[in-house]
Amino acid sequence: MVLRCILTLFALSFAGPGGYWSAFLSDPSRRVLYITVAFALFVWVFIAAGWAMSVQVGVRRAIGAILGAVGRGWPCPRS
């Protein structure tokens, strides 16, 4: 989570808060790069959590816990 905040702050440092949407995200190559890195960091959070848990509970249980935590968000109703 902290890495994604650092990525956002890095993007804001070039364009500023007002120019962030218009300058940074309107360029297709920068937008694709930003979204790719942000998604990779999002997935890394789950990988790091499973890696940290595998030391205490084992690899299979850590994978099951992470998959259960990810799957728990799917049945939530949208309001």
PDB file of N, CA and C in Angstrom:
ATOM      1  N   MET A   1       0.817  -1.184   0.000  1.00  0.00           N
ATOM      2  CA  MET A   1       0.000   0.000   0.000  1.00  0.00           C
ATOM      3  C   MET A   1       0.864   1.252   0.000  1.00  0.00           C
ATOM      4  N   VAL A   2       1.928   1.203   0.739  1.00  0.00           N
ATOM      5  CA  VAL A   2       2.813   2.359   0.806  1.00  0.00           C
ATOM      6  C   VAL A   2       3.476   2.592  -0.552  1.00  0.00           C
ATOM      7  N   LEU A   3       3.816   1.505  -1.241  1.00  0.00           N
ATOM      8  CA  LEU A   3       4.448   1.654  -2.547  1.00  0.00           C
ATOM      9  C   LEU A   3       3.506   2.306  -3.556  1.00  0.00           C
ATOM     10  N   ARG A   4       2.216   1.990  -3.481  1.00  0.00           N
ATOM     11  CA  ARG A   4       1.255   2.628  -4.386  1.00  0.00           C
ATOM     12  C   ARG A   4       1.105   4.107  -4.067  1.00  0.00           C
ATOM     13  N   CYS A   5       1.185   4.473  -2.801  1.00  0.00           N
ATOM     14  CA  CYS A   5       1.134   5.894  -2.425  1.00  0.00           C
ATOM     15  C   CYS A   5       2.369   6.626  -2.928  1.00  0.00           C
ATOM     16  N   ILE A   6       3.514   5.972  -2.854  1.00  0.00           N
ATOM     17  CA  ILE A   6       4.742   6.577  -3.369  1.00  0.00           C
ATOM     18  C   ILE A   6       4.639   6.775  -4.874  1.00  0.00           C
ATOM     19  N   LEU A   7       4.054   5.811  -5.577  1.00  0.00           N
ATOM     20  CA  LEU A   7       3.865   5.948  -7.023  1.00  0.00           C
ATOM     21  C   LEU A   7       2.963   7.132  -7.347  1.00  0.00           C
ATOM     22  N   THR A   8       1.882   7.292  -6.611  1.00  0.00           N
ATOM     23  CA  THR A   8       0.973   8.419  -6.842  1.00  0.00           C
ATOM     24  C   THR A   8       1.666   9.741  -6.541  1.00  0.00           C
ATOM     25  N   LEU A   9       2.418   9.804  -5.455  1.00  0.00           N
ATOM     26  CA  LEU A   9       3.147  11.032  -5.131  1.00  0.00           C
ATOM     27  C   LEU A   9       4.211  11.348  -6.176  1.00  0.00           C
ATOM     28  N   PHE A  10       4.823  10.324  -6.727  1.00  0.00           N
ATOM     29  CA  PHE A  10       5.803  10.525  -7.790  1.00  0.00           C
ATOM     30  C   PHE A  10       5.130  11.130  -9.020  1.00  0.00           C
ATOM     31  N   ALA A  11       3.948  10.621  -9.365  1.00  0.00           N
ATOM     32  CA  ALA A  11       3.212  11.176 -10.510  1.00  0.00           C
ATOM     33  C   ALA A  11       2.775  12.608 -10.229  1.00  0.00           C
ATOM     34  N   LEU A  12       2.370  12.885  -9.014  1.00  0.00           N
ATOM     35  CA  LEU A  12       1.948  14.243  -8.659  1.00  0.00           C
ATOM     36  C   LEU A  12       3.110  15.230  -8.643  1.00  0.00           C
ATOM     37  N   SER A  13       4.313  14.743  -8.414  1.00  0.00           N
ATOM     38  CA  SER A  13       5.454  15.655  -8.331  1.00  0.00           C
ATOM     39  C   SER A  13       5.770  16.305  -9.672  1.00  0.00           C
ATOM     40  N   PHE A  14       5.414  15.667 -10.763  1.00  0.00           N
ATOM     41  CA  PHE A  14       5.685  16.234 -12.085  1.00  0.00           C
ATOM     42  C   PHE A  14       4.606  17.215 -12.526  1.00  0.00           C
ATOM     43  N   ALA A  15       3.349  16.856 -12.334  1.00  0.00           N
ATOM     44  CA  ALA A  15       2.259  17.657 -12.887  1.00  0.00           C
ATOM     45  C   ALA A  15       1.534  18.485 -11.841  1.00  0.00           C
ATOM     46  N   GLY A  16       1.698  18.174 -10.582  1.00  0.00           N
ATOM     47  CA  GLY A  16       0.963  18.884  -9.541  1.00  0.00           C
ATOM     48  C   GLY A  16      -0.457  18.357  -9.447  1.00  0.00           C
ATOM     49  N   PRO A  17      -1.171  18.715  -8.396  1.00  0.00           N
ATOM     50  CA  PRO A  17      -2.513  18.162  -8.214  1.00  0.00           C
ATOM     51  C   PRO A  17      -3.495  18.581  -9.307  1.00  0.00           C
ATOM     52  N   GLY A  18      -3.399  19.803  -9.790  1.00  0.00           N
ATOM     53  CA  GLY A  18      -4.327  20.246 -10.834  1.00  0.00           C
ATOM     54  C   GLY A  18      -3.997  19.668 -12.190  1.00  0.00           C
ATOM     55  N   GLY A  19      -2.725  19.523 -12.494  1.00  0.00           N
ATOM     56  CA  GLY A  19      -2.319  19.009 -13.786  1.00  0.00           C
ATOM     57  C   GLY A  19      -2.183  17.510 -13.845  1.00  0.00           C
ATOM     58  N   TYR A  20      -2.426  16.858 -12.726  1.00  0.00           N
ATOM     59  CA  TYR A  20      -2.273  15.404 -12.659  1.00  0.00           C
ATOM     60  C   TYR A  20      -3.196  14.715 -13.654  1.00  0.00           C
ATOM     61  N   TRP A  21      -4.461  15.055 -13.636  1.00  0.00           N
ATOM     62  CA  TRP A  21      -5.421  14.390 -14.516  1.00  0.00           C
ATOM     63  C   TRP A  21      -5.241  14.821 -15.963  1.00  0.00           C
ATOM     64  N   SER A  22      -5.063  16.100 -16.180  1.00  0.00           N
ATOM     65  CA  SER A  22      -5.005  16.568 -17.559  1.00  0.00           C
ATOM     66  C   SER A  22      -3.674  16.269 -18.234  1.00  0.00           C
ATOM     67  N   ALA A  23      -2.578  16.463 -17.544  1.00  0.00           N
ATOM     68  CA  ALA A  23      -1.267  16.285 -18.174  1.00  0.00           C
ATOM     69  C   ALA A  23      -0.759  14.850 -18.087  1.00  0.00           C
ATOM     70  N   PHE A  24      -0.864  14.262 -16.923  1.00  0.00           N
ATOM     71  CA  PHE A  24      -0.246  12.949 -16.723  1.00  0.00           C
ATOM     72  C   PHE A  24      -1.092  11.821 -17.290  1.00  0.00           C
ATOM     73  N   LEU A  25      -2.387  11.830 -17.012  1.00  0.00           N
ATOM     74  CA  LEU A  25      -3.228  10.718 -17.437  1.00  0.00           C
ATOM     75  C   LEU A  25      -3.794  10.869 -18.844  1.00  0.00           C
ATOM     76  N   SER A  26      -3.635  12.010 -19.480  1.00  0.00           N
ATOM     77  CA  SER A  26      -4.132  12.151 -20.843  1.00  0.00           C
ATOM     78  C   SER A  26      -3.146  11.594 -21.867  1.00  0.00           C
ATOM     79  N   ASP A  27      -1.890  11.446 -21.494  1.00  0.00           N
ATOM     80  CA  ASP A  27      -0.905  10.843 -22.377  1.00  0.00           C
ATOM     81  C   ASP A  27      -1.042   9.318 -22.291  1.00  0.00           C
ATOM     82  N   PRO A  28      -1.378   8.653 -23.397  1.00  0.00           N
ATOM     83  CA  PRO A  28      -1.635   7.204 -23.329  1.00  0.00           C
ATOM     84  C   PRO A  28      -0.445   6.377 -22.842  1.00  0.00           C
ATOM     85  N   SER A  29       0.753   6.720 -23.241  1.00  0.00           N
ATOM     86  CA  SER A  29       1.897   5.910 -22.827  1.00  0.00           C
ATOM     87  C   SER A  29       2.153   6.042 -21.323  1.00  0.00           C
ATOM     88  N   ARG A  30       2.052   7.244 -20.793  1.00  0.00           N
ATOM     89  CA  ARG A  30       2.229   7.431 -19.346  1.00  0.00           C
ATOM     90  C   ARG A  30       1.104   6.764 -18.567  1.00  0.00           C
ATOM     91  N   ARG A  31      -0.108   6.860 -19.087  1.00  0.00           N
ATOM     92  CA  ARG A  31      -1.252   6.258 -18.403  1.00  0.00           C
ATOM     93  C   ARG A  31      -1.105   4.748 -18.331  1.00  0.00           C
ATOM     94  N   VAL A  32      -0.717   4.114 -19.434  1.00  0.00           N
ATOM     95  CA  VAL A  32      -0.539   2.663 -19.451  1.00  0.00           C
ATOM     96  C   VAL A  32       0.571   2.247 -18.499  1.00  0.00           C
ATOM     97  N   LEU A  33       1.661   2.984 -18.494  1.00  0.00           N
ATOM     98  CA  LEU A  33       2.764   2.679 -17.590  1.00  0.00           C
ATOM     99  C   LEU A  33       2.330   2.813 -16.130  1.00  0.00           C
ATOM    100  N   TYR A  34       1.615   3.886 -15.809  1.00  0.00           N
ATOM    101  CA  TYR A  34       1.162   4.119 -14.441  1.00  0.00           C
ATOM    102  C   TYR A  34       0.191   3.018 -13.985  1.00  0.00           C
ATOM    103  N   ILE A  35      -0.762   2.671 -14.829  1.00  0.00           N
ATOM    104  CA  ILE A  35      -1.748   1.654 -14.456  1.00  0.00           C
ATOM    105  C   ILE A  35      -1.085   0.290 -14.322  1.00  0.00           C
ATOM    106  N   THR A  36      -0.138  -0.021 -15.187  1.00  0.00           N
ATOM    107  CA  THR A  36       0.571  -1.295 -15.106  1.00  0.00           C
ATOM    108  C   THR A  36       1.360  -1.407 -13.807  1.00  0.00           C
ATOM    109  N   VAL A  37       2.090  -0.373 -13.469  1.00  0.00           N
ATOM    110  CA  VAL A  37       2.880  -0.402 -12.233  1.00  0.00           C
ATOM    111  C   VAL A  37       1.964  -0.424 -11.013  1.00  0.00           C
ATOM    112  N   ALA A  38       0.875   0.340 -11.035  1.00  0.00           N
ATOM    113  CA  ALA A  38      -0.054   0.354  -9.895  1.00  0.00           C
ATOM    114  C   ALA A  38      -0.700  -1.016  -9.698  1.00  0.00           C
ATOM    115  N   PHE A  39      -1.077  -1.683 -10.776  1.00  0.00           N
ATOM    116  CA  PHE A  39      -1.672  -3.014 -10.656  1.00  0.00           C
ATOM    117  C   PHE A  39      -0.645  -4.025 -10.158  1.00  0.00           C
ATOM    118  N   ALA A  40       0.588  -3.929 -10.646  1.00  0.00           N
ATOM    119  CA  ALA A  40       1.632  -4.837 -10.176  1.00  0.00           C
ATOM    120  C   ALA A  40       1.888  -4.658  -8.678  1.00  0.00           C
ATOM    121  N   LEU A  41       1.877  -3.415  -8.207  1.00  0.00           N
ATOM    122  CA  LEU A  41       2.058  -3.173  -6.774  1.00  0.00           C
ATOM    123  C   LEU A  41       0.866  -3.669  -5.964  1.00  0.00           C
ATOM    124  N   PHE A  42      -0.331  -3.594  -6.538  1.00  0.00           N
ATOM    125  CA  PHE A  42      -1.526  -4.117  -5.867  1.00  0.00           C
ATOM    126  C   PHE A  42      -1.416  -5.634  -5.692  1.00  0.00           C
ATOM    127  N   VAL A  43      -0.988  -6.326  -6.730  1.00  0.00           N
ATOM    128  CA  VAL A  43      -0.820  -7.783  -6.652  1.00  0.00           C
ATOM    129  C   VAL A  43       0.317  -8.133  -5.693  1.00  0.00           C
ATOM    130  N   TRP A  44       1.355  -7.303  -5.666  1.00  0.00           N
ATOM    131  CA  TRP A  44       2.493  -7.563  -4.785  1.00  0.00           C
ATOM    132  C   TRP A  44       2.076  -7.570  -3.308  1.00  0.00           C
ATOM    133  N   VAL A  45       1.076  -6.799  -2.946  1.00  0.00           N
ATOM    134  CA  VAL A  45       0.600  -6.788  -1.561  1.00  0.00           C
ATOM    135  C   VAL A  45       0.149  -8.184  -1.150  1.00  0.00           C
ATOM    136  N   PHE A  46      -0.576  -8.871  -2.031  1.00  0.00           N
ATOM    137  CA  PHE A  46      -1.042 -10.220  -1.708  1.00  0.00           C
ATOM    138  C   PHE A  46       0.099 -11.230  -1.712  1.00  0.00           C
ATOM    139  N   ILE A  47       1.038 -11.071  -2.617  1.00  0.00           N
ATOM    140  CA  ILE A  47       2.191 -11.966  -2.649  1.00  0.00           C
ATOM    141  C   ILE A  47       3.023 -11.804  -1.379  1.00  0.00           C
ATOM    142  N   ALA A  48       3.267 -10.574  -0.973  1.00  0.00           N
ATOM    143  CA  ALA A  48       4.054 -10.329   0.232  1.00  0.00           C
ATOM    144  C   ALA A  48       3.334 -10.840   1.482  1.00  0.00           C
ATOM    145  N   ALA A  49       2.020 -10.685   1.524  1.00  0.00           N
ATOM    146  CA  ALA A  49       1.266 -11.193   2.682  1.00  0.00           C
ATOM    147  C   ALA A  49       1.349 -12.711   2.760  1.00  0.00           C
ATOM    148  N   GLY A  50       1.201 -13.385   1.638  1.00  0.00           N
ATOM    149  CA  GLY A  50       1.327 -14.842   1.632  1.00  0.00           C
ATOM    150  C   GLY A  50       2.722 -15.302   1.985  1.00  0.00           C
ATOM    151  N   TRP A  51       3.705 -14.586   1.516  1.00  0.00           N
ATOM    152  CA  TRP A  51       5.095 -14.919   1.811  1.00  0.00           C
ATOM    153  C   TRP A  51       5.373 -14.760   3.303  1.00  0.00           C
ATOM    154  N   ALA A  52       4.858 -13.706   3.891  1.00  0.00           N
ATOM    155  CA  ALA A  52       5.074 -13.480   5.319  1.00  0.00           C
ATOM    156  C   ALA A  52       4.330 -14.516   6.159  1.00  0.00           C
ATOM    157  N   MET A  53       3.136 -14.893   5.730  1.00  0.00           N
ATOM    158  CA  MET A  53       2.364 -15.874   6.500  1.00  0.00           C
ATOM    159  C   MET A  53       2.897 -17.285   6.347  1.00  0.00           C
ATOM    160  N   SER A  54       3.568 -17.579   5.244  1.00  0.00           N
ATOM    161  CA  SER A  54       4.027 -18.946   4.996  1.00  0.00           C
ATOM    162  C   SER A  54       5.057 -19.409   6.010  1.00  0.00           C
ATOM    163  N   VAL A  55       5.739 -18.490   6.634  1.00  0.00           N
ATOM    164  CA  VAL A  55       6.742 -18.857   7.634  1.00  0.00           C
ATOM    165  C   VAL A  55       6.063 -19.467   8.858  1.00  0.00           C
ATOM    166  N   GLN A  56       4.926 -18.926   9.261  1.00  0.00           N
ATOM    167  CA  GLN A  56       4.252 -19.387  10.478  1.00  0.00           C
ATOM    168  C   GLN A  56       3.254 -20.502  10.232  1.00  0.00           C
ATOM    169  N   VAL A  57       2.472 -20.425   9.150  1.00  0.00           N
ATOM    170  CA  VAL A  57       1.386 -21.394   8.966  1.00  0.00           C
ATOM    171  C   VAL A  57       1.643 -22.379   7.843  1.00  0.00           C
ATOM    172  N   GLY A  58       2.693 -22.215   7.094  1.00  0.00           N
ATOM    173  CA  GLY A  58       2.989 -23.106   5.979  1.00  0.00           C
ATOM    174  C   GLY A  58       2.512 -22.511   4.660  1.00  0.00           C
ATOM    175  N   VAL A  59       3.071 -23.025   3.604  1.00  0.00           N
ATOM    176  CA  VAL A  59       2.802 -22.460   2.283  1.00  0.00           C
ATOM    177  C   VAL A  59       1.363 -22.711   1.853  1.00  0.00           C
ATOM    178  N   ARG A  60       0.862 -23.925   2.012  1.00  0.00           N
ATOM    179  CA  ARG A  60      -0.504 -24.236   1.545  1.00  0.00           C
ATOM    180  C   ARG A  60      -1.554 -23.441   2.296  1.00  0.00           C
ATOM    181  N   ARG A  61      -1.408 -23.325   3.606  1.00  0.00           N
ATOM    182  CA  ARG A  61      -2.385 -22.550   4.377  1.00  0.00           C
ATOM    183  C   ARG A  61      -2.290 -21.060   4.080  1.00  0.00           C
ATOM    184  N   ALA A  62      -1.091 -20.574   3.828  1.00  0.00           N
ATOM    185  CA  ALA A  62      -0.923 -19.158   3.482  1.00  0.00           C
ATOM    186  C   ALA A  62      -1.593 -18.856   2.150  1.00  0.00           C
ATOM    187  N   ILE A  63      -1.409 -19.729   1.165  1.00  0.00           N
ATOM    188  CA  ILE A  63      -2.065 -19.540  -0.134  1.00  0.00           C
ATOM    189  C   ILE A  63      -3.579 -19.595   0.031  1.00  0.00           C
ATOM    190  N   GLY A  64      -4.061 -20.520   0.833  1.00  0.00           N
ATOM    191  CA  GLY A  64      -5.501 -20.619   1.071  1.00  0.00           C
ATOM    192  C   GLY A  64      -6.066 -19.395   1.769  1.00  0.00           C
ATOM    193  N   ALA A  65      -5.321 -18.873   2.726  1.00  0.00           N
ATOM    194  CA  ALA A  65      -5.786 -17.679   3.438  1.00  0.00           C
ATOM    195  C   ALA A  65      -5.833 -16.464   2.521  1.00  0.00           C
ATOM    196  N   ILE A  66      -4.833 -16.310   1.673  1.00  0.00           N
ATOM    197  CA  ILE A  66      -4.808 -15.177   0.748  1.00  0.00           C
ATOM    198  C   ILE A  66      -5.917 -15.313  -0.287  1.00  0.00           C
ATOM    199  N   LEU A  67      -6.098 -16.511  -0.844  1.00  0.00           N
ATOM    200  CA  LEU A  67      -7.173 -16.706  -1.814  1.00  0.00           C
ATOM    201  C   LEU A  67      -8.544 -16.514  -1.168  1.00  0.00           C
ATOM    202  N   GLY A  68      -8.669 -16.926   0.091  1.00  0.00           N
ATOM    203  CA  GLY A  68      -9.917 -16.692   0.810  1.00  0.00           C
ATOM    204  C   GLY A  68     -10.176 -15.218   1.058  1.00  0.00           C
ATOM    205  N   ALA A  69      -9.129 -14.491   1.375  1.00  0.00           N
ATOM    206  CA  ALA A  69      -9.286 -13.050   1.603  1.00  0.00           C
ATOM    207  C   ALA A  69      -9.637 -12.320   0.319  1.00  0.00           C
ATOM    208  N   VAL A  70      -9.042 -12.723  -0.791  1.00  0.00           N
ATOM    209  CA  VAL A  70      -9.370 -12.107  -2.078  1.00  0.00           C
ATOM    210  C   VAL A  70     -10.792 -12.461  -2.481  1.00  0.00           C
ATOM    211  N   GLY A  71     -11.173 -13.704  -2.296  1.00  0.00           N
ATOM    212  CA  GLY A  71     -12.510 -14.154  -2.677  1.00  0.00           C
ATOM    213  C   GLY A  71     -13.612 -13.604  -1.798  1.00  0.00           C
ATOM    214  N   ARG A  72     -13.279 -13.182  -0.592  1.00  0.00           N
ATOM    215  CA  ARG A  72     -14.276 -12.636   0.311  1.00  0.00           C
ATOM    216  C   ARG A  72     -14.851 -11.321  -0.202  1.00  0.00           C
ATOM    217  N   GLY A  73     -14.104 -10.611  -1.002  1.00  0.00           N
ATOM    218  CA  GLY A  73     -14.576  -9.344  -1.541  1.00  0.00           C
ATOM    219  C   GLY A  73     -15.545  -9.492  -2.704  1.00  0.00           C
ATOM    220  N   TRP A  74     -15.562 -10.621  -3.360  1.00  0.00           N
ATOM    221  CA  TRP A  74     -16.423 -10.796  -4.525  1.00  0.00           C
ATOM    222  C   TRP A  74     -17.920 -10.806  -4.203  1.00  0.00           C
ATOM    223  N   PRO A  75     -18.386 -11.491  -3.164  1.00  0.00           N
ATOM    224  CA  PRO A  75     -19.846 -11.538  -2.973  1.00  0.00           C
ATOM    225  C   PRO A  75     -20.438 -10.291  -2.320  1.00  0.00           C
ATOM    226  N   CYS A  76     -19.639  -9.301  -2.028  1.00  0.00           N
ATOM    227  CA  CYS A  76     -20.163  -8.103  -1.396  1.00  0.00           C
ATOM    228  C   CYS A  76     -21.107  -7.363  -2.333  1.00  0.00           C
ATOM    229  N   PRO A  77     -22.300  -7.036  -1.865  1.00  0.00           N
ATOM    230  CA  PRO A  77     -23.246  -6.327  -2.748  1.00  0.00           C
ATOM    231  C   PRO A  77     -22.799  -4.895  -2.994  1.00  0.00           C
ATOM    232  N   ARG A  78     -23.079  -4.417  -4.169  1.00  0.00           N
ATOM    233  CA  ARG A  78     -22.754  -3.036  -4.509  1.00  0.00           C
ATOM    234  C   ARG A  78     -23.952  -2.159  -4.158  1.00  0.00           C
ATOM    235  N   SER A  79     -23.641  -1.009  -3.628  1.00  0.00           N
ATOM    236  CA  SER A  79     -24.755  -0.127  -3.265  1.00  0.00           C
ATOM    237  C   SER A  79     -24.752   1.124  -4.101  1.00  0.00           C
TER     238      SER A  79
END
